[in-house]
Amino acid sequence: MKTTLYVNRRLLEEAMALSNIGKVTEVVNLALEESVRRRRVERLAGRLGREDLALTPEDLEEMRRGE
């Protein structure tokens, strides 16, 4: 889908530098994926009744292997 966005140039450039990604579309997609993942983890933490649950995808995979 093609969309026009107005983004903070400084944040975009910093995100591109930190992620070592040179394409705007890829950086925006990565940011969206990370935002969704973070909010899903927060929602899960709320359901579990915990205040702070900072799990990475690697942590979840390790937990799955341990089951």
C-alpha atoms as a PDB file:
ATOM      1  CA  MET A   1       0.000   0.000   0.000  1.00  0.00           C
ATOM      2  CA  LYS A   2       1.333   3.404  -0.900  1.00  0.00           C
ATOM      3  CA  THR A   3       0.915   6.069   1.777  1.00  0.00           C
ATOM      4  CA  THR A   4       2.199   9.590   2.247  1.00  0.00           C
ATOM      5  CA  LEU A   5       3.725  10.213   5.662  1.00  0.00           C
ATOM      6  CA  TYR A   6       5.139  13.237   7.402  1.00  0.00           C
ATOM      7  CA  VAL A   7       7.859  11.983   9.715  1.00  0.00           C
ATOM      8  CA  ASN A   8      10.396  13.573  11.995  1.00  0.00           C
ATOM      9  CA  ARG A   9      13.513  13.614   9.796  1.00  0.00           C
ATOM     10  CA  ARG A  10      15.890  13.489  12.767  1.00  0.00           C
ATOM     11  CA  LEU A  11      14.177  10.394  14.211  1.00  0.00           C
ATOM     12  CA  LEU A  12      14.074   8.729  10.816  1.00  0.00           C
ATOM     13  CA  GLU A  13      17.764   9.325  10.218  1.00  0.00           C
ATOM     14  CA  GLU A  14      18.637   8.073  13.703  1.00  0.00           C
ATOM     15  CA  ALA A  15      16.517   4.947  13.231  1.00  0.00           C
ATOM     16  CA  MET A  16      18.180   4.289   9.892  1.00  0.00           C
ATOM     17  CA  ALA A  17      21.633   4.692  11.422  1.00  0.00           C
ATOM     18  CA  LEU A  18      20.900   2.556  14.495  1.00  0.00           C
ATOM     19  CA  SER A  19      19.290  -0.236  12.488  1.00  0.00           C
ATOM     20  CA  ASN A  20      21.863  -0.030   9.694  1.00  0.00           C
ATOM     21  CA  ILE A  21      18.988   0.036   7.196  1.00  0.00           C
ATOM     22  CA  GLY A  22      19.266   2.411   4.260  1.00  0.00           C
ATOM     23  CA  LYS A  23      15.697   2.289   2.966  1.00  0.00           C
ATOM     24  CA  VAL A  24      12.946   4.384   4.507  1.00  0.00           C
ATOM     25  CA  THR A  25      10.231   1.781   3.873  1.00  0.00           C
ATOM     26  CA  GLU A  26      12.221  -0.942   5.643  1.00  0.00           C
ATOM     27  CA  VAL A  27      12.894   1.286   8.663  1.00  0.00           C
ATOM     28  CA  VAL A  28       9.232   2.300   8.936  1.00  0.00           C
ATOM     29  CA  ASN A  29       8.137  -1.351   8.686  1.00  0.00           C
ATOM     30  CA  LEU A  30      10.661  -2.349  11.356  1.00  0.00           C
ATOM     31  CA  ALA A  31       9.402   0.417  13.648  1.00  0.00           C
ATOM     32  CA  LEU A  32       5.809  -0.729  13.164  1.00  0.00           C
ATOM     33  CA  GLU A  33       6.732  -4.361  13.874  1.00  0.00           C
ATOM     34  CA  GLU A  34       8.580  -3.382  17.049  1.00  0.00           C
ATOM     35  CA  SER A  35       5.711  -1.166  18.178  1.00  0.00           C
ATOM     36  CA  VAL A  36       3.165  -3.953  17.693  1.00  0.00           C
ATOM     37  CA  ARG A  37       5.406  -6.484  19.460  1.00  0.00           C
ATOM     38  CA  ARG A  38       5.944  -4.149  22.417  1.00  0.00           C
ATOM     39  CA  ARG A  39       2.224  -3.512  22.816  1.00  0.00           C
ATOM     40  CA  ARG A  40       1.425  -7.238  22.574  1.00  0.00           C
ATOM     41  CA  VAL A  41       3.950  -7.944  25.334  1.00  0.00           C
ATOM     42  CA  GLU A  42       2.447  -5.156  27.454  1.00  0.00           C
ATOM     43  CA  ARG A  43      -1.031  -6.608  26.912  1.00  0.00           C
ATOM     44  CA  LEU A  44       0.218 -10.071  27.876  1.00  0.00           C
ATOM     45  CA  ALA A  45       1.877  -8.652  30.991  1.00  0.00           C
ATOM     46  CA  GLY A  46      -1.415  -7.016  31.943  1.00  0.00           C
ATOM     47  CA  ARG A  47      -3.219 -10.313  31.596  1.00  0.00           C
ATOM     48  CA  LEU A  48      -0.603 -12.014  33.768  1.00  0.00           C
ATOM     49  CA  GLY A  49      -0.882  -9.285  36.375  1.00  0.00           C
ATOM     50  CA  ARG A  50       2.744  -8.227  36.177  1.00  0.00           C
ATOM     51  CA  GLU A  51       3.986  -4.680  36.089  1.00  0.00           C
ATOM     52  CA  ASP A  52       7.144  -5.206  34.031  1.00  0.00           C
ATOM     53  CA  LEU A  53       7.571  -7.946  31.454  1.00  0.00           C
ATOM     54  CA  ALA A  54      10.334  -7.261  28.961  1.00  0.00           C
ATOM     55  CA  LEU A  55      10.647 -10.411  26.880  1.00  0.00           C
ATOM     56  CA  THR A  56      12.514 -10.508  23.624  1.00  0.00           C
ATOM     57  CA  PRO A  57      11.620 -12.930  20.830  1.00  0.00           C
ATOM     58  CA  GLU A  58      14.720 -14.886  21.863  1.00  0.00           C
ATOM     59  CA  ASP A  59      13.457 -15.110  25.462  1.00  0.00           C
ATOM     60  CA  LEU A  60      10.115 -16.451  24.258  1.00  0.00           C
ATOM     61  CA  GLU A  61      11.808 -19.021  22.023  1.00  0.00           C
ATOM     62  CA  GLU A  62      13.973 -20.196  24.939  1.00  0.00           C
ATOM     63  CA  MET A  63      10.875 -20.510  27.118  1.00  0.00           C
ATOM     64  CA  ARG A  64       9.167 -22.561  24.405  1.00  0.00           C
ATOM     65  CA  ARG A  65      12.138 -24.914  24.158  1.00  0.00           C
ATOM     66  CA  GLY A  66      12.075 -25.421  27.930  1.00  0.00           C
ATOM     67  CA  GLU A  67       8.441 -26.625  27.972  1.00  0.00           C
END
